[in-house]
Amino acid sequence: MLIFFVNILISTLAILITARLVPGFEIDNPSPAIISCLMVGLINFLIRPILLLLAIPLNMATIGLFTFIFNALILNLATGLIDDFNLTSWGASLLGAFILTLIRLSTDSYPQTRRKLLG
C-alpha cells in the first residue's frame, strides 16, 4: 500500500514539474494534480491496453514512437474529466507526455532509491 502512495506522489510531482516546463500544460494547484494522476492511472489501466493492442502494427512501424500519441490522447481524456487541468494544444499534450515519460522512466529505473524511501 505504501508503494501505491509513493507512486501517486511521484506521478503528482511529475505532473506539477511538467506543468512548469511546458507552455499550454496548465494545472492550477496540487489537488487537481493528484486527481489527474489518479485519473490518468485509471485510464491507463482500463483503456490503454486495448488501444495498444489495436495499434500494434503502427507501433511496430514507428518503432514504438506511436506510444507518445496514446500518452497524449490519455492526457487529453484526463483533461476532459478534470476542471482545473487544461491542455491548450496537441503540441502541449505531446510534449507533456514526453516529459512525463522521461520523469517516470528516470524514477522507475532506480528501484534502490524507492527501497530506501520505503525503508
N, C-alpha and C. Protein backbone atom coordinates (compact mmCIF):
# COMPACT_ATOMS: atom_id res chain seq x y z
N MET A 1 0.83 -1.20 0.00
CA MET A 1 0.00 0.00 0.00
C MET A 1 0.86 1.25 0.00
N LEU A 2 1.99 1.18 0.69
CA LEU A 2 2.89 2.32 0.73
C LEU A 2 3.48 2.61 -0.65
N ILE A 3 3.74 1.55 -1.41
CA ILE A 3 4.27 1.73 -2.77
C ILE A 3 3.26 2.48 -3.63
N PHE A 4 1.98 2.20 -3.46
CA PHE A 4 0.93 2.90 -4.20
C PHE A 4 0.98 4.40 -3.92
N PHE A 5 1.10 4.78 -2.64
CA PHE A 5 1.14 6.19 -2.28
C PHE A 5 2.43 6.86 -2.76
N VAL A 6 3.53 6.15 -2.75
CA VAL A 6 4.78 6.70 -3.28
C VAL A 6 4.66 6.92 -4.78
N ASN A 7 4.03 5.98 -5.49
CA ASN A 7 3.81 6.15 -6.93
C ASN A 7 2.90 7.34 -7.22
N ILE A 8 1.87 7.52 -6.43
CA ILE A 8 0.97 8.67 -6.59
C ILE A 8 1.74 9.96 -6.35
N LEU A 9 2.57 10.00 -5.32
CA LEU A 9 3.37 11.19 -5.02
C LEU A 9 4.34 11.49 -6.17
N ILE A 10 5.02 10.49 -6.67
CA ILE A 10 5.96 10.70 -7.77
C ILE A 10 5.23 11.18 -9.02
N SER A 11 4.10 10.57 -9.33
CA SER A 11 3.33 10.97 -10.51
C SER A 11 2.78 12.39 -10.37
N THR A 12 2.34 12.74 -9.18
CA THR A 12 1.84 14.09 -8.94
C THR A 12 2.96 15.11 -9.11
N LEU A 13 4.12 14.82 -8.56
CA LEU A 13 5.26 15.73 -8.74
C LEU A 13 5.66 15.83 -10.21
N ALA A 14 5.58 14.73 -10.93
CA ALA A 14 5.90 14.74 -12.36
C ALA A 14 4.93 15.63 -13.13
N ILE A 15 3.66 15.56 -12.78
CA ILE A 15 2.66 16.41 -13.44
C ILE A 15 2.89 17.87 -13.11
N LEU A 16 3.21 18.17 -11.86
CA LEU A 16 3.48 19.57 -11.48
C LEU A 16 4.74 20.11 -12.15
N ILE A 17 5.78 19.29 -12.27
CA ILE A 17 7.00 19.71 -12.95
C ILE A 17 6.72 19.94 -14.43
N THR A 18 5.96 19.05 -15.03
CA THR A 18 5.61 19.19 -16.45
C THR A 18 4.80 20.46 -16.68
N ALA A 19 3.90 20.77 -15.76
CA ALA A 19 3.10 21.99 -15.89
C ALA A 19 3.98 23.24 -15.84
N ARG A 20 5.07 23.18 -15.09
CA ARG A 20 6.00 24.32 -15.03
C ARG A 20 6.85 24.44 -16.29
N LEU A 21 7.15 23.30 -16.93
CA LEU A 21 8.06 23.29 -18.07
C LEU A 21 7.38 23.50 -19.41
N VAL A 22 6.17 23.03 -19.57
CA VAL A 22 5.50 23.03 -20.87
C VAL A 22 4.45 24.13 -20.93
N PRO A 23 4.63 25.09 -21.84
CA PRO A 23 3.57 26.09 -22.02
C PRO A 23 2.33 25.43 -22.63
N GLY A 24 1.18 25.73 -22.08
CA GLY A 24 -0.06 25.12 -22.54
C GLY A 24 -0.48 23.92 -21.73
N PHE A 25 0.38 23.45 -20.84
CA PHE A 25 0.08 22.35 -19.92
C PHE A 25 -0.23 23.04 -18.60
N GLU A 26 -1.51 23.29 -18.35
CA GLU A 26 -1.92 24.15 -17.24
C GLU A 26 -2.61 23.35 -16.14
N ILE A 27 -2.06 23.48 -14.95
CA ILE A 27 -2.68 22.88 -13.77
C ILE A 27 -2.57 23.91 -12.65
N ASP A 28 -3.66 24.17 -11.96
CA ASP A 28 -3.70 25.30 -11.04
C ASP A 28 -2.99 25.06 -9.71
N ASN A 29 -3.21 23.93 -9.10
CA ASN A 29 -2.61 23.66 -7.79
C ASN A 29 -2.45 22.16 -7.60
N PRO A 30 -1.87 21.74 -6.49
CA PRO A 30 -1.58 20.31 -6.30
C PRO A 30 -2.81 19.39 -6.23
N SER A 31 -3.94 19.86 -5.76
CA SER A 31 -5.08 18.95 -5.64
C SER A 31 -5.58 18.45 -6.99
N PRO A 32 -5.71 19.29 -8.03
CA PRO A 32 -6.06 18.72 -9.34
C PRO A 32 -4.94 17.83 -9.90
N ALA A 33 -3.70 18.08 -9.49
CA ALA A 33 -2.60 17.23 -9.94
C ALA A 33 -2.76 15.82 -9.39
N ILE A 34 -3.17 15.71 -8.14
CA ILE A 34 -3.40 14.40 -7.53
C ILE A 34 -4.57 13.70 -8.23
N ILE A 35 -5.64 14.45 -8.45
CA ILE A 35 -6.82 13.87 -9.12
C ILE A 35 -6.47 13.46 -10.55
N SER A 36 -5.71 14.31 -11.25
CA SER A 36 -5.34 13.97 -12.62
C SER A 36 -4.41 12.76 -12.65
N CYS A 37 -3.55 12.65 -11.67
CA CYS A 37 -2.66 11.48 -11.57
C CYS A 37 -3.49 10.21 -11.41
N LEU A 38 -4.48 10.24 -10.55
CA LEU A 38 -5.35 9.08 -10.36
C LEU A 38 -6.18 8.79 -11.60
N MET A 39 -6.65 9.85 -12.27
CA MET A 39 -7.46 9.68 -13.47
C MET A 39 -6.64 9.10 -14.62
N VAL A 40 -5.42 9.61 -14.80
CA VAL A 40 -4.54 9.08 -15.85
C VAL A 40 -4.21 7.62 -15.55
N GLY A 41 -3.98 7.30 -14.29
CA GLY A 41 -3.73 5.91 -13.91
C GLY A 41 -4.91 5.01 -14.19
N LEU A 42 -6.11 5.48 -13.92
CA LEU A 42 -7.31 4.70 -14.19
C LEU A 42 -7.52 4.50 -15.69
N ILE A 43 -7.32 5.56 -16.46
CA ILE A 43 -7.45 5.45 -17.92
C ILE A 43 -6.38 4.51 -18.47
N ASN A 44 -5.16 4.63 -17.95
CA ASN A 44 -4.08 3.73 -18.38
C ASN A 44 -4.43 2.27 -18.08
N PHE A 45 -5.08 2.05 -16.97
CA PHE A 45 -5.43 0.69 -16.57
C PHE A 45 -6.57 0.12 -17.42
N LEU A 46 -7.57 0.95 -17.72
CA LEU A 46 -8.76 0.46 -18.40
C LEU A 46 -8.69 0.51 -19.92
N ILE A 47 -8.19 1.60 -20.48
CA ILE A 47 -8.30 1.84 -21.92
C ILE A 47 -7.01 1.59 -22.67
N ARG A 48 -5.89 1.94 -22.10
CA ARG A 48 -4.61 1.88 -22.82
C ARG A 48 -4.25 0.49 -23.35
N PRO A 49 -4.44 -0.59 -22.58
CA PRO A 49 -4.08 -1.90 -23.13
C PRO A 49 -4.84 -2.25 -24.41
N ILE A 50 -6.10 -1.88 -24.46
CA ILE A 50 -6.92 -2.14 -25.65
C ILE A 50 -6.40 -1.34 -26.83
N LEU A 51 -6.14 -0.05 -26.61
CA LEU A 51 -5.62 0.79 -27.69
C LEU A 51 -4.27 0.32 -28.19
N LEU A 52 -3.38 -0.05 -27.27
CA LEU A 52 -2.06 -0.52 -27.68
C LEU A 52 -2.15 -1.84 -28.44
N LEU A 53 -3.06 -2.69 -28.05
CA LEU A 53 -3.24 -3.95 -28.76
C LEU A 53 -3.73 -3.71 -30.18
N LEU A 54 -4.66 -2.78 -30.34
CA LEU A 54 -5.19 -2.48 -31.67
C LEU A 54 -4.15 -1.79 -32.56
N ALA A 55 -3.19 -1.11 -31.94
CA ALA A 55 -2.22 -0.33 -32.71
C ALA A 55 -0.85 -0.99 -32.79
N ILE A 56 -0.80 -2.29 -32.61
CA ILE A 56 0.50 -2.98 -32.70
C ILE A 56 1.19 -2.73 -34.05
N PRO A 57 0.47 -2.79 -35.17
CA PRO A 57 1.16 -2.52 -36.44
C PRO A 57 1.75 -1.11 -36.53
N LEU A 58 1.01 -0.12 -36.05
CA LEU A 58 1.53 1.26 -36.06
C LEU A 58 2.73 1.40 -35.14
N ASN A 59 2.67 0.77 -33.98
CA ASN A 59 3.79 0.83 -33.05
C ASN A 59 5.02 0.15 -33.63
N MET A 60 4.82 -0.95 -34.31
CA MET A 60 5.97 -1.64 -34.92
C MET A 60 6.55 -0.81 -36.05
N ALA A 61 5.70 -0.17 -36.83
CA ALA A 61 6.17 0.64 -37.96
C ALA A 61 6.92 1.88 -37.50
N THR A 62 6.55 2.41 -36.36
CA THR A 62 7.20 3.63 -35.86
C THR A 62 8.20 3.34 -34.75
N ILE A 63 8.53 2.10 -34.54
CA ILE A 63 9.48 1.65 -33.52
C ILE A 63 9.06 2.15 -32.13
N GLY A 64 7.78 2.11 -31.86
CA GLY A 64 7.27 2.45 -30.55
C GLY A 64 6.98 3.93 -30.32
N LEU A 65 7.29 4.78 -31.28
CA LEU A 65 7.06 6.22 -31.09
C LEU A 65 5.58 6.57 -31.11
N PHE A 66 4.75 5.71 -31.69
CA PHE A 66 3.32 5.97 -31.70
C PHE A 66 2.74 5.93 -30.30
N THR A 67 3.45 5.34 -29.36
CA THR A 67 3.00 5.29 -27.97
C THR A 67 2.84 6.69 -27.39
N PHE A 68 3.67 7.63 -27.84
CA PHE A 68 3.53 9.01 -27.36
C PHE A 68 2.20 9.62 -27.78
N ILE A 69 1.70 9.21 -28.94
CA ILE A 69 0.38 9.67 -29.37
C ILE A 69 -0.68 9.17 -28.39
N PHE A 70 -0.56 7.91 -27.97
CA PHE A 70 -1.50 7.37 -26.99
C PHE A 70 -1.39 8.09 -25.66
N ASN A 71 -0.16 8.36 -25.23
CA ASN A 71 0.02 9.09 -23.96
C ASN A 71 -0.61 10.47 -24.04
N ALA A 72 -0.44 11.15 -25.17
CA ALA A 72 -1.05 12.47 -25.35
C ALA A 72 -2.57 12.36 -25.37
N LEU A 73 -3.09 11.32 -26.00
CA LEU A 73 -4.53 11.09 -26.04
C LEU A 73 -5.08 10.84 -24.63
N ILE A 74 -4.36 10.07 -23.85
CA ILE A 74 -4.78 9.80 -22.47
C ILE A 74 -4.77 11.07 -21.63
N LEU A 75 -3.75 11.92 -21.83
CA LEU A 75 -3.73 13.21 -21.13
C LEU A 75 -4.92 14.06 -21.54
N ASN A 76 -5.26 14.07 -22.83
CA ASN A 76 -6.42 14.84 -23.28
C ASN A 76 -7.71 14.29 -22.71
N LEU A 77 -7.83 12.98 -22.60
CA LEU A 77 -9.01 12.39 -21.96
C LEU A 77 -9.12 12.82 -20.50
N ALA A 78 -7.99 12.85 -19.81
CA ALA A 78 -8.00 13.25 -18.40
C ALA A 78 -8.38 14.72 -18.25
N THR A 79 -7.93 15.57 -19.17
CA THR A 79 -8.30 16.99 -19.06
C THR A 79 -9.78 17.21 -19.30
N GLY A 80 -10.40 16.35 -20.08
CA GLY A 80 -11.84 16.45 -20.27
C GLY A 80 -12.63 16.08 -19.04
N LEU A 81 -12.03 15.33 -18.15
CA LEU A 81 -12.72 14.88 -16.94
C LEU A 81 -12.41 15.71 -15.70
N ILE A 82 -11.36 16.55 -15.78
CA ILE A 82 -10.93 17.33 -14.61
C ILE A 82 -10.98 18.81 -14.98
N ASP A 83 -11.61 19.61 -14.13
CA ASP A 83 -11.83 21.02 -14.45
C ASP A 83 -10.55 21.86 -14.42
N ASP A 84 -9.71 21.67 -13.43
CA ASP A 84 -8.55 22.54 -13.25
C ASP A 84 -7.29 22.05 -13.96
N PHE A 85 -7.43 21.17 -14.91
CA PHE A 85 -6.32 20.62 -15.67
C PHE A 85 -6.62 20.84 -17.14
N ASN A 86 -5.81 21.68 -17.80
CA ASN A 86 -6.07 22.04 -19.19
C ASN A 86 -4.85 21.85 -20.06
N LEU A 87 -5.08 21.42 -21.28
CA LEU A 87 -4.06 21.38 -22.31
C LEU A 87 -4.57 22.23 -23.46
N THR A 88 -3.77 23.22 -23.87
CA THR A 88 -4.25 24.17 -24.87
C THR A 88 -4.05 23.69 -26.30
N SER A 89 -3.16 22.72 -26.52
CA SER A 89 -2.92 22.25 -27.88
C SER A 89 -2.41 20.81 -27.86
N TRP A 90 -2.39 20.19 -29.04
CA TRP A 90 -1.84 18.85 -29.15
C TRP A 90 -0.32 18.87 -28.95
N GLY A 91 0.30 19.99 -29.34
CA GLY A 91 1.74 20.11 -29.12
C GLY A 91 2.08 20.08 -27.63
N ALA A 92 1.29 20.80 -26.84
CA ALA A 92 1.49 20.79 -25.39
C ALA A 92 1.23 19.40 -24.83
N SER A 93 0.24 18.72 -25.38
CA SER A 93 -0.08 17.38 -24.93
C SER A 93 1.04 16.40 -25.27
N LEU A 94 1.57 16.47 -26.48
CA LEU A 94 2.68 15.59 -26.88
C LEU A 94 3.94 15.86 -26.09
N LEU A 95 4.29 17.14 -25.94
CA LEU A 95 5.49 17.49 -25.17
C LEU A 95 5.31 17.11 -23.70
N GLY A 96 4.13 17.33 -23.16
CA GLY A 96 3.84 16.93 -21.79
C GLY A 96 3.95 15.43 -21.60
N ALA A 97 3.42 14.67 -22.56
CA ALA A 97 3.51 13.20 -22.48
C ALA A 97 4.96 12.76 -22.54
N PHE A 98 5.76 13.41 -23.38
CA PHE A 98 7.17 13.07 -23.49
C PHE A 98 7.91 13.35 -22.19
N ILE A 99 7.69 14.52 -21.60
CA ILE A 99 8.36 14.88 -20.35
C ILE A 99 7.90 13.99 -19.20
N LEU A 100 6.60 13.71 -19.13
CA LEU A 100 6.11 12.80 -18.09
C LEU A 100 6.73 11.42 -18.23
N THR A 101 6.89 10.96 -19.45
CA THR A 101 7.52 9.66 -19.68
C THR A 101 8.98 9.68 -19.21
N LEU A 102 9.69 10.75 -19.53
CA LEU A 102 11.08 10.86 -19.10
C LEU A 102 11.21 10.88 -17.58
N ILE A 103 10.35 11.63 -16.93
CA ILE A 103 10.41 11.72 -15.47
C ILE A 103 10.09 10.37 -14.84
N ARG A 104 9.01 9.73 -15.30
CA ARG A 104 8.64 8.43 -14.74
C ARG A 104 9.70 7.37 -15.04
N LEU A 105 10.29 7.42 -16.21
CA LEU A 105 11.33 6.47 -16.57
C LEU A 105 12.54 6.63 -15.66
N SER A 106 12.90 7.87 -15.38
CA SER A 106 14.06 8.10 -14.53
C SER A 106 13.80 7.68 -13.08
N THR A 107 12.57 7.85 -12.61
CA THR A 107 12.29 7.43 -11.24
C THR A 107 12.06 5.93 -11.14
N ASP A 108 11.50 5.32 -12.17
CA ASP A 108 11.26 3.88 -12.14
C ASP A 108 12.52 3.07 -12.36
N SER A 109 13.56 3.70 -12.92
CA SER A 109 14.78 2.95 -13.22
C SER A 109 15.70 2.84 -12.02
N TYR A 110 15.33 3.44 -10.91
CA TYR A 110 16.16 3.37 -9.71
C TYR A 110 15.40 2.70 -8.58
N PRO A 111 15.25 1.37 -8.61
CA PRO A 111 14.49 0.70 -7.55
C PRO A 111 15.17 0.79 -6.19
N GLN A 112 16.50 0.94 -6.17
CA GLN A 112 17.18 1.04 -4.87
C GLN A 112 16.79 2.35 -4.18
N THR A 113 16.52 3.41 -4.95
CA THR A 113 16.07 4.66 -4.35
C THR A 113 14.70 4.46 -3.72
N ARG A 114 13.83 3.76 -4.41
CA ARG A 114 12.49 3.50 -3.88
C ARG A 114 12.57 2.63 -2.63
N ARG A 115 13.50 1.66 -2.63
CA ARG A 115 13.68 0.82 -1.43
C ARG A 115 14.13 1.66 -0.24
N LYS A 116 15.03 2.63 -0.50
CA LYS A 116 15.49 3.48 0.59
C LYS A 116 14.35 4.35 1.13
N LEU A 117 13.50 4.85 0.22
CA LEU A 117 12.36 5.66 0.65
C LEU A 117 11.39 4.86 1.51
N LEU A 118 11.20 3.61 1.14
CA LEU A 118 10.21 2.80 1.84
C LEU A 118 10.76 2.09 3.07
N GLY A 119 12.07 2.13 3.24
CA GLY A 119 12.68 1.57 4.43
C GLY A 119 13.11 0.21 4.29
